[in-house]
């Protein structure tokens, strides 16, 4: 298990990015959080196995159909244990 942060840039707010990210995370068994940032980015913290985190990261490169991802940053961070994946408002 490991934890990563993902910052997604572009037109990623107002297009259901958080909802679809949560749906994807729940489907593949990743725990963590997703939230909108004041600068317009979406920020994700995710814990899971390598294959699960890679799947989530690949999803975030495109996001939902109305999203326009222009950049994505992934970083390994200290392991964080979550009970589930949730949208932070």
PDB file of N, CA and C in Angstrom:
ATOM      1  N   UNK A   1       0.839  -1.186   0.000  1.00  0.00           N
ATOM      2  CA  UNK A   1       0.000   0.000   0.000  1.00  0.00           C
ATOM      3  C   UNK A   1       0.882   1.246   0.000  1.00  0.00           C
ATOM      4  N   UNK A   2       0.396   2.239  -0.728  1.00  0.00           N
ATOM      5  CA  UNK A   2       1.076   3.528  -0.695  1.00  0.00           C
ATOM      6  C   UNK A   2       0.051   4.621  -0.948  1.00  0.00           C
ATOM      7  N   UNK A   3       0.475   5.849  -0.720  1.00  0.00           N
ATOM      8  CA  UNK A   3      -0.404   7.005  -0.895  1.00  0.00           C
ATOM      9  C   UNK A   3       0.237   7.970  -1.861  1.00  0.00           C
ATOM     10  N   UNK A   4      -0.594   8.518  -2.762  1.00  0.00           N
ATOM     11  CA  UNK A   4      -0.135   9.532  -3.705  1.00  0.00           C
ATOM     12  C   UNK A   4      -1.073  10.731  -3.645  1.00  0.00           C
ATOM     13  N   UNK A   5      -0.548  11.864  -4.084  1.00  0.00           N
ATOM     14  CA  UNK A   5      -1.411  13.017  -4.334  1.00  0.00           C
ATOM     15  C   UNK A   5      -1.417  13.246  -5.840  1.00  0.00           C
ATOM     16  N   UNK A   6      -2.563  13.678  -6.341  1.00  0.00           N
ATOM     17  CA  UNK A   6      -2.718  13.991  -7.756  1.00  0.00           C
ATOM     18  C   UNK A   6      -3.344  15.381  -7.845  1.00  0.00           C
ATOM     19  N   UNK A   7      -2.700  16.267  -8.574  1.00  0.00           N
ATOM     20  CA  UNK A   7      -3.265  17.586  -8.852  1.00  0.00           C
ATOM     21  C   UNK A   7      -3.607  17.625 -10.326  1.00  0.00           C
ATOM     22  N   UNK A   8      -4.875  17.912 -10.621  1.00  0.00           N
ATOM     23  CA  UNK A   8      -5.354  17.923 -12.004  1.00  0.00           C
ATOM     24  C   UNK A   8      -5.670  19.368 -12.381  1.00  0.00           C
ATOM     25  N   UNK A   9      -5.098  19.818 -13.498  1.00  0.00           N
ATOM     26  CA  UNK A   9      -5.240  21.198 -13.955  1.00  0.00           C
ATOM     27  C   UNK A   9      -6.062  21.253 -15.234  1.00  0.00           C
ATOM     28  N   UNK A  10      -6.676  22.385 -15.470  1.00  0.00           N
ATOM     29  CA  UNK A  10      -7.466  22.588 -16.680  1.00  0.00           C
ATOM     30  C   UNK A  10      -8.889  22.960 -16.315  1.00  0.00           C
ATOM     31  N   UNK A  11      -9.815  22.655 -17.224  1.00  0.00           N
ATOM     32  CA  UNK A  11     -11.226  22.872 -16.902  1.00  0.00           C
ATOM     33  C   UNK A  11     -11.716  21.601 -16.221  1.00  0.00           C
ATOM     34  N   UNK A  12     -11.549  21.579 -14.904  1.00  0.00           N
ATOM     35  CA  UNK A  12     -11.840  20.376 -14.136  1.00  0.00           C
ATOM     36  C   UNK A  12     -12.828  20.637 -12.998  1.00  0.00           C
ATOM     37  N   UNK A  13     -13.268  21.864 -12.845  1.00  0.00           N
ATOM     38  CA  UNK A  13     -14.315  22.167 -11.878  1.00  0.00           C
ATOM     39  C   UNK A  13     -15.589  22.502 -12.635  1.00  0.00           C
ATOM     40  N   UNK A  14     -16.724  22.116 -12.055  1.00  0.00           N
ATOM     41  CA  UNK A  14     -18.002  22.348 -12.713  1.00  0.00           C
ATOM     42  C   UNK A  14     -18.324  21.340 -13.795  1.00  0.00           C
ATOM     43  N   UNK A  15     -17.559  20.248 -13.845  1.00  0.00           N
ATOM     44  CA  UNK A  15     -17.773  19.199 -14.863  1.00  0.00           C
ATOM     45  C   UNK A  15     -17.941  17.823 -14.213  1.00  0.00           C
ATOM     46  N   UNK A  16     -18.245  17.808 -12.922  1.00  0.00           N
ATOM     47  CA  UNK A  16     -18.440  16.564 -12.156  1.00  0.00           C
ATOM     48  C   UNK A  16     -17.170  15.735 -11.994  1.00  0.00           C
ATOM     49  N   UNK A  17     -16.010  16.387 -12.032  1.00  0.00           N
ATOM     50  CA  UNK A  17     -14.743  15.659 -11.903  1.00  0.00           C
ATOM     51  C   UNK A  17     -14.668  14.938 -10.560  1.00  0.00           C
ATOM     52  N   UNK A  18     -15.054  15.606  -9.469  1.00  0.00           N
ATOM     53  CA  UNK A  18     -14.975  14.970  -8.146  1.00  0.00           C
ATOM     54  C   UNK A  18     -15.890  13.748  -8.068  1.00  0.00           C
ATOM     55  N   UNK A  19     -17.109  13.876  -8.557  1.00  0.00           N
ATOM     56  CA  UNK A  19     -18.066  12.772  -8.513  1.00  0.00           C
ATOM     57  C   UNK A  19     -17.546  11.566  -9.300  1.00  0.00           C
ATOM     58  N   UNK A  20     -17.085  11.794 -10.524  1.00  0.00           N
ATOM     59  CA  UNK A  20     -16.602  10.686 -11.339  1.00  0.00           C
ATOM     60  C   UNK A  20     -15.308  10.089 -10.774  1.00  0.00           C
ATOM     61  N   UNK A  21     -14.475  10.905 -10.144  1.00  0.00           N
ATOM     62  CA  UNK A  21     -13.267  10.394  -9.497  1.00  0.00           C
ATOM     63  C   UNK A  21     -13.646   9.481  -8.333  1.00  0.00           C
ATOM     64  N   UNK A  22     -14.635   9.908  -7.535  1.00  0.00           N
ATOM     65  CA  UNK A  22     -15.098   9.064  -6.428  1.00  0.00           C
ATOM     66  C   UNK A  22     -15.671   7.751  -6.956  1.00  0.00           C
ATOM     67  N   UNK A  23     -16.462   7.820  -8.008  1.00  0.00           N
ATOM     68  CA  UNK A  23     -17.033   6.612  -8.593  1.00  0.00           C
ATOM     69  C   UNK A  23     -15.939   5.658  -9.056  1.00  0.00           C
ATOM     70  N   UNK A  24     -14.916   6.207  -9.734  1.00  0.00           N
ATOM     71  CA  UNK A  24     -13.794   5.382 -10.200  1.00  0.00           C
ATOM     72  C   UNK A  24     -13.051   4.772  -9.014  1.00  0.00           C
ATOM     73  N   UNK A  25     -12.758   5.599  -7.996  1.00  0.00           N
ATOM     74  CA  UNK A  25     -12.034   5.122  -6.821  1.00  0.00           C
ATOM     75  C   UNK A  25     -12.813   4.010  -6.114  1.00  0.00           C
ATOM     76  N   UNK A  26     -14.120   4.196  -5.958  1.00  0.00           N
ATOM     77  CA  UNK A  26     -14.940   3.168  -5.312  1.00  0.00           C
ATOM     78  C   UNK A  26     -14.931   1.872  -6.121  1.00  0.00           C
ATOM     79  N   UNK A  27     -14.971   1.984  -7.434  1.00  0.00           N
ATOM     80  CA  UNK A  27     -14.993   0.816  -8.308  1.00  0.00           C
ATOM     81  C   UNK A  27     -13.704   0.005  -8.208  1.00  0.00           C
ATOM     82  N   UNK A  28     -12.564   0.700  -8.118  1.00  0.00           N
ATOM     83  CA  UNK A  28     -11.280  -0.011  -8.104  1.00  0.00           C
ATOM     84  C   UNK A  28     -10.736  -0.254  -6.697  1.00  0.00           C
ATOM     85  N   UNK A  29     -11.427   0.254  -5.668  1.00  0.00           N
ATOM     86  CA  UNK A  29     -11.039  -0.036  -4.293  1.00  0.00           C
ATOM     87  C   UNK A  29      -9.991   0.880  -3.697  1.00  0.00           C
ATOM     88  N   UNK A  30      -9.898   2.108  -4.205  1.00  0.00           N
ATOM     89  CA  UNK A  30      -8.955   3.096  -3.665  1.00  0.00           C
ATOM     90  C   UNK A  30      -9.668   3.910  -2.586  1.00  0.00           C
ATOM     91  N   UNK A  31      -8.953   4.258  -1.528  1.00  0.00           N
ATOM     92  CA  UNK A  31      -9.508   5.137  -0.498  1.00  0.00           C
ATOM     93  C   UNK A  31      -8.806   6.490  -0.558  1.00  0.00           C
ATOM     94  N   UNK A  32      -9.443   7.519   0.017  1.00  0.00           N
ATOM     95  CA  UNK A  32      -8.819   8.845   0.033  1.00  0.00           C
ATOM     96  C   UNK A  32      -9.831   9.953  -0.070  1.00  0.00           C
ATOM     97  N   UNK A  33      -9.399  11.072  -0.667  1.00  0.00           N
ATOM     98  CA  UNK A  33     -10.247  12.251  -0.795  1.00  0.00           C
ATOM     99  C   UNK A  33     -10.025  12.931  -2.133  1.00  0.00           C
ATOM    100  N   UNK A  34     -11.041  13.704  -2.546  1.00  0.00           N
ATOM    101  CA  UNK A  34     -10.921  14.560  -3.725  1.00  0.00           C
ATOM    102  C   UNK A  34     -11.597  15.880  -3.387  1.00  0.00           C
ATOM    103  N   UNK A  35     -10.959  16.996  -3.782  1.00  0.00           N
ATOM    104  CA  UNK A  35     -11.548  18.299  -3.504  1.00  0.00           C
ATOM    105  C   UNK A  35     -11.151  19.305  -4.576  1.00  0.00           C
ATOM    106  N   UNK A  36     -11.982  20.333  -4.702  1.00  0.00           N
ATOM    107  CA  UNK A  36     -11.652  21.459  -5.563  1.00  0.00           C
ATOM    108  C   UNK A  36     -10.723  22.395  -4.807  1.00  0.00           C
ATOM    109  N   UNK A  37      -9.764  22.970  -5.513  1.00  0.00           N
ATOM    110  CA  UNK A  37      -8.876  23.976  -4.936  1.00  0.00           C
ATOM    111  C   UNK A  37      -9.333  25.363  -5.393  1.00  0.00           C
ATOM    112  N   UNK A  38      -9.034  26.396  -4.610  1.00  0.00           N
ATOM    113  CA  UNK A  38      -9.451  27.755  -4.976  1.00  0.00           C
ATOM    114  C   UNK A  38      -8.911  28.218  -6.335  1.00  0.00           C
ATOM    115  N   UNK A  39      -7.780  27.668  -6.777  1.00  0.00           N
ATOM    116  CA  UNK A  39      -7.178  28.104  -8.044  1.00  0.00           C
ATOM    117  C   UNK A  39      -7.785  27.417  -9.269  1.00  0.00           C
ATOM    118  N   UNK A  40      -8.806  26.541  -9.067  1.00  0.00           N
ATOM    119  CA  UNK A  40      -9.460  25.863 -10.181  1.00  0.00           C
ATOM    120  C   UNK A  40      -8.995  24.437 -10.420  1.00  0.00           C
ATOM    121  N   UNK A  41      -7.961  23.997  -9.706  1.00  0.00           N
ATOM    122  CA  UNK A  41      -7.474  22.625  -9.829  1.00  0.00           C
ATOM    123  C   UNK A  41      -8.335  21.680  -9.001  1.00  0.00           C
ATOM    124  N   UNK A  42      -8.188  20.382  -9.257  1.00  0.00           N
ATOM    125  CA  UNK A  42      -8.763  19.339  -8.415  1.00  0.00           C
ATOM    126  C   UNK A  42      -7.601  18.615  -7.752  1.00  0.00           C
ATOM    127  N   UNK A  43      -7.719  18.368  -6.446  1.00  0.00           N
ATOM    128  CA  UNK A  43      -6.645  17.743  -5.673  1.00  0.00           C
ATOM    129  C   UNK A  43      -7.151  16.437  -5.075  1.00  0.00           C
ATOM    130  N   UNK A  44      -6.388  15.379  -5.293  1.00  0.00           N
ATOM    131  CA  UNK A  44      -6.754  14.038  -4.862  1.00  0.00           C
ATOM    132  C   UNK A  44      -5.652  13.468  -3.976  1.00  0.00           C
ATOM    133  N   UNK A  45      -6.041  12.832  -2.887  1.00  0.00           N
ATOM    134  CA  UNK A  45      -5.127  12.003  -2.102  1.00  0.00           C
ATOM    135  C   UNK A  45      -5.704  10.603  -2.160  1.00  0.00           C
ATOM    136  N   UNK A  46      -4.900   9.642  -2.574  1.00  0.00           N
ATOM    137  CA  UNK A  46      -5.397   8.286  -2.785  1.00  0.00           C
ATOM    138  C   UNK A  46      -4.431   7.255  -2.204  1.00  0.00           C
ATOM    139  N   UNK A  47      -5.004   6.258  -1.542  1.00  0.00           N
ATOM    140  CA  UNK A  47      -4.239   5.151  -0.977  1.00  0.00           C
ATOM    141  C   UNK A  47      -4.715   3.843  -1.595  1.00  0.00           C
ATOM    142  N   UNK A  48      -3.763   3.023  -1.995  1.00  0.00           N
ATOM    143  CA  UNK A  48      -4.091   1.729  -2.578  1.00  0.00           C
ATOM    144  C   UNK A  48      -2.836   1.016  -3.023  1.00  0.00           C
ATOM    145  N   UNK A  49      -3.037  -0.065  -3.740  1.00  0.00           N
ATOM    146  CA  UNK A  49      -1.923  -0.811  -4.330  1.00  0.00           C
ATOM    147  C   UNK A  49      -1.479  -0.096  -5.605  1.00  0.00           C
ATOM    148  N   UNK A  50      -0.272  -0.386  -6.055  1.00  0.00           N
ATOM    149  CA  UNK A  50       0.273   0.286  -7.235  1.00  0.00           C
ATOM    150  C   UNK A  50      -0.668   0.215  -8.436  1.00  0.00           C
ATOM    151  N   UNK A  51      -1.195  -0.982  -8.729  1.00  0.00           N
ATOM    152  CA  UNK A  51      -2.050  -1.124  -9.911  1.00  0.00           C
ATOM    153  C   UNK A  51      -3.327  -0.287  -9.786  1.00  0.00           C
ATOM    154  N   UNK A  52      -3.863  -0.152  -8.564  1.00  0.00           N
ATOM    155  CA  UNK A  52      -5.061   0.655  -8.350  1.00  0.00           C
ATOM    156  C   UNK A  52      -4.758   2.142  -8.541  1.00  0.00           C
ATOM    157  N   UNK A  53      -3.641   2.579  -7.982  1.00  0.00           N
ATOM    158  CA  UNK A  53      -3.264   3.990  -8.087  1.00  0.00           C
ATOM    159  C   UNK A  53      -2.933   4.353  -9.529  1.00  0.00           C
ATOM    160  N   UNK A  54      -2.288   3.441 -10.241  1.00  0.00           N
ATOM    161  CA  UNK A  54      -1.998   3.686 -11.657  1.00  0.00           C
ATOM    162  C   UNK A  54      -3.288   3.802 -12.467  1.00  0.00           C
ATOM    163  N   UNK A  55      -4.260   2.972 -12.154  1.00  0.00           N
ATOM    164  CA  UNK A  55      -5.557   3.022 -12.835  1.00  0.00           C
ATOM    165  C   UNK A  55      -6.239   4.374 -12.578  1.00  0.00           C
ATOM    166  N   UNK A  56      -6.244   4.819 -11.327  1.00  0.00           N
ATOM    167  CA  UNK A  56      -6.841   6.115 -10.992  1.00  0.00           C
ATOM    168  C   UNK A  56      -6.114   7.251 -11.691  1.00  0.00           C
ATOM    169  N   UNK A  57      -4.787   7.203 -11.691  1.00  0.00           N
ATOM    170  CA  UNK A  57      -3.989   8.254 -12.338  1.00  0.00           C
ATOM    171  C   UNK A  57      -4.292   8.312 -13.837  1.00  0.00           C
ATOM    172  N   UNK A  58      -4.369   7.164 -14.480  1.00  0.00           N
ATOM    173  CA  UNK A  58      -4.685   7.132 -15.913  1.00  0.00           C
ATOM    174  C   UNK A  58      -6.068   7.721 -16.174  1.00  0.00           C
ATOM    175  N   UNK A  59      -7.022   7.410 -15.303  1.00  0.00           N
ATOM    176  CA  UNK A  59      -8.363   7.984 -15.439  1.00  0.00           C
ATOM    177  C   UNK A  59      -8.304   9.514 -15.367  1.00  0.00           C
ATOM    178  N   UNK A  60      -7.523  10.024 -14.426  1.00  0.00           N
ATOM    179  CA  UNK A  60      -7.458  11.471 -14.201  1.00  0.00           C
ATOM    180  C   UNK A  60      -6.822  12.230 -15.366  1.00  0.00           C
ATOM    181  N   UNK A  61      -6.082  11.555 -16.198  1.00  0.00           N
ATOM    182  CA  UNK A  61      -5.481  12.226 -17.359  1.00  0.00           C
ATOM    183  C   UNK A  61      -6.547  12.759 -18.308  1.00  0.00           C
ATOM    184  N   UNK A  62      -7.705  12.122 -18.334  1.00  0.00           N
ATOM    185  CA  UNK A  62      -8.814  12.559 -19.191  1.00  0.00           C
ATOM    186  C   UNK A  62      -9.994  13.058 -18.372  1.00  0.00           C
ATOM    187  N   UNK A  63     -10.347  12.345 -17.319  1.00  0.00           N
ATOM    188  CA  UNK A  63     -11.490  12.714 -16.497  1.00  0.00           C
ATOM    189  C   UNK A  63     -12.800  12.489 -17.223  1.00  0.00           C
ATOM    190  N   UNK A  64     -13.878  13.082 -16.702  1.00  0.00           N
ATOM    191  CA  UNK A  64     -15.178  12.940 -17.350  1.00  0.00           C
ATOM    192  C   UNK A  64     -15.209  13.657 -18.702  1.00  0.00           C
ATOM    193  N   UNK A  65     -16.217  13.355 -19.491  1.00  0.00           N
ATOM    194  CA  UNK A  65     -16.249  13.840 -20.880  1.00  0.00           C
ATOM    195  C   UNK A  65     -16.212  15.360 -21.015  1.00  0.00           C
ATOM    196  N   UNK A  66     -16.772  16.101 -20.072  1.00  0.00           N
ATOM    197  CA  UNK A  66     -16.782  17.569 -20.188  1.00  0.00           C
ATOM    198  C   UNK A  66     -15.503  18.223 -19.672  1.00  0.00           C
ATOM    199  N   UNK A  67     -14.627  17.467 -19.065  1.00  0.00           N
ATOM    200  CA  UNK A  67     -13.371  18.010 -18.534  1.00  0.00           C
ATOM    201  C   UNK A  67     -12.369  18.245 -19.655  1.00  0.00           C
ATOM    202  N   UNK A  68     -11.505  19.214 -19.443  1.00  0.00           N
ATOM    203  CA  UNK A  68     -10.376  19.467 -20.347  1.00  0.00           C
ATOM    204  C   UNK A  68      -9.111  19.536 -19.499  1.00  0.00           C
ATOM    205  N   UNK A  69      -8.462  18.392 -19.350  1.00  0.00           N
ATOM    206  CA  UNK A  69      -7.259  18.307 -18.525  1.00  0.00           C
ATOM    207  C   UNK A  69      -6.076  18.853 -19.314  1.00  0.00           C
ATOM    208  N   UNK A  70      -5.393  19.842 -18.732  1.00  0.00           N
ATOM    209  CA  UNK A  70      -4.227  20.436 -19.386  1.00  0.00           C
ATOM    210  C   UNK A  70      -2.918  20.056 -18.695  1.00  0.00           C
ATOM    211  N   UNK A  71      -3.021  19.493 -17.506  1.00  0.00           N
ATOM    212  CA  UNK A  71      -1.824  19.080 -16.779  1.00  0.00           C
ATOM    213  C   UNK A  71      -2.198  18.226 -15.591  1.00  0.00           C
ATOM    214  N   UNK A  72      -1.265  17.379 -15.180  1.00  0.00           N
ATOM    215  CA  UNK A  72      -1.508  16.504 -14.035  1.00  0.00           C
ATOM    216  C   UNK A  72      -0.179  16.251 -13.331  1.00  0.00           C
ATOM    217  N   UNK A  73      -0.212  16.340 -12.016  1.00  0.00           N
ATOM    218  CA  UNK A  73       1.001  16.151 -11.210  1.00  0.00           C
ATOM    219  C   UNK A  73       0.722  15.045 -10.196  1.00  0.00           C
ATOM    220  N   UNK A  74       1.599  14.047 -10.164  1.00  0.00           N
ATOM    221  CA  UNK A  74       1.469  12.941  -9.208  1.00  0.00           C
ATOM    222  C   UNK A  74       2.703  12.932  -8.317  1.00  0.00           C
ATOM    223  N   UNK A  75       2.462  12.809  -7.007  1.00  0.00           N
ATOM    224  CA  UNK A  75       3.571  12.746  -6.056  1.00  0.00           C
ATOM    225  C   UNK A  75       3.308  11.650  -5.041  1.00  0.00           C
ATOM    226  N   UNK A  76       4.362  10.929  -4.665  1.00  0.00           N
ATOM    227  CA  UNK A  76       4.269  10.002  -3.550  1.00  0.00           C
ATOM    228  C   UNK A  76       4.310  10.814  -2.266  1.00  0.00           C
ATOM    229  N   UNK A  77       3.410  10.505  -1.345  1.00  0.00           N
ATOM    230  CA  UNK A  77       3.396  11.177  -0.055  1.00  0.00           C
ATOM    231  C   UNK A  77       3.376  10.127   1.050  1.00  0.00           C
ATOM    232  N   UNK A  78       3.465  10.584   2.289  1.00  0.00           N
ATOM    233  CA  UNK A  78       3.452   9.678   3.432  1.00  0.00           C
ATOM    234  C   UNK A  78       2.154   8.870   3.443  1.00  0.00           C
ATOM    235  N   UNK A  79       2.252   7.600   3.792  1.00  0.00           N
ATOM    236  CA  UNK A  79       1.092   6.718   3.824  1.00  0.00           C
ATOM    237  C   UNK A  79       0.008   7.291   4.725  1.00  0.00           C
ATOM    238  N   UNK A  80      -1.212   7.378   4.181  1.00  0.00           N
ATOM    239  CA  UNK A  80      -2.376   7.810   4.949  1.00  0.00           C
ATOM    240  C   UNK A  80      -3.432   6.723   4.817  1.00  0.00           C
ATOM    241  N   UNK A  81      -4.056   6.389   5.921  1.00  0.00           N
ATOM    242  CA  UNK A  81      -5.076   5.344   5.930  1.00  0.00           C
ATOM    243  C   UNK A  81      -6.455   6.009   6.003  1.00  0.00           C
ATOM    244  N   UNK A  82      -7.305   5.669   5.054  1.00  0.00           N
ATOM    245  CA  UNK A  82      -8.673   6.173   4.998  1.00  0.00           C
ATOM    246  C   UNK A  82      -9.631   4.991   5.084  1.00  0.00           C
ATOM    247  N   UNK A  83     -10.842   5.245   5.544  1.00  0.00           N
ATOM    248  CA  UNK A  83     -11.867   4.210   5.607  1.00  0.00           C
ATOM    249  C   UNK A  83     -12.529   4.027   4.246  1.00  0.00           C
ATOM    250  N   UNK A  84     -12.692   5.123   3.506  1.00  0.00           N
ATOM    251  CA  UNK A  84     -13.349   5.099   2.202  1.00  0.00           C
ATOM    252  C   UNK A  84     -12.824   6.257   1.371  1.00  0.00           C
ATOM    253  N   UNK A  85     -13.382   6.453   0.198  1.00  0.00           N
ATOM    254  CA  UNK A  85     -13.029   7.588  -0.659  1.00  0.00           C
ATOM    255  C   UNK A  85     -14.164   8.592  -0.572  1.00  0.00           C
ATOM    256  N   UNK A  86     -13.825   9.853  -0.281  1.00  0.00           N
ATOM    257  CA  UNK A  86     -14.877  10.842  -0.111  1.00  0.00           C
ATOM    258  C   UNK A  86     -14.576  12.154  -0.827  1.00  0.00           C
ATOM    259  N   UNK A  87     -15.647  12.829  -1.179  1.00  0.00           N
ATOM    260  CA  UNK A  87     -15.566  14.168  -1.751  1.00  0.00           C
ATOM    261  C   UNK A  87     -15.523  15.160  -0.612  1.00  0.00           C
ATOM    262  N   UNK A  88     -14.513  16.016  -0.603  1.00  0.00           N
ATOM    263  CA  UNK A  88     -14.385  17.053   0.417  1.00  0.00           C
ATOM    264  C   UNK A  88     -14.949  18.343  -0.165  1.00  0.00           C
ATOM    265  N   UNK A  89     -15.847  18.955   0.545  1.00  0.00           N
ATOM    266  CA  UNK A  89     -16.476  20.190   0.061  1.00  0.00           C
ATOM    267  C   UNK A  89     -15.909  21.394   0.760  1.00  0.00           C
TER     268      UNK A  89
END
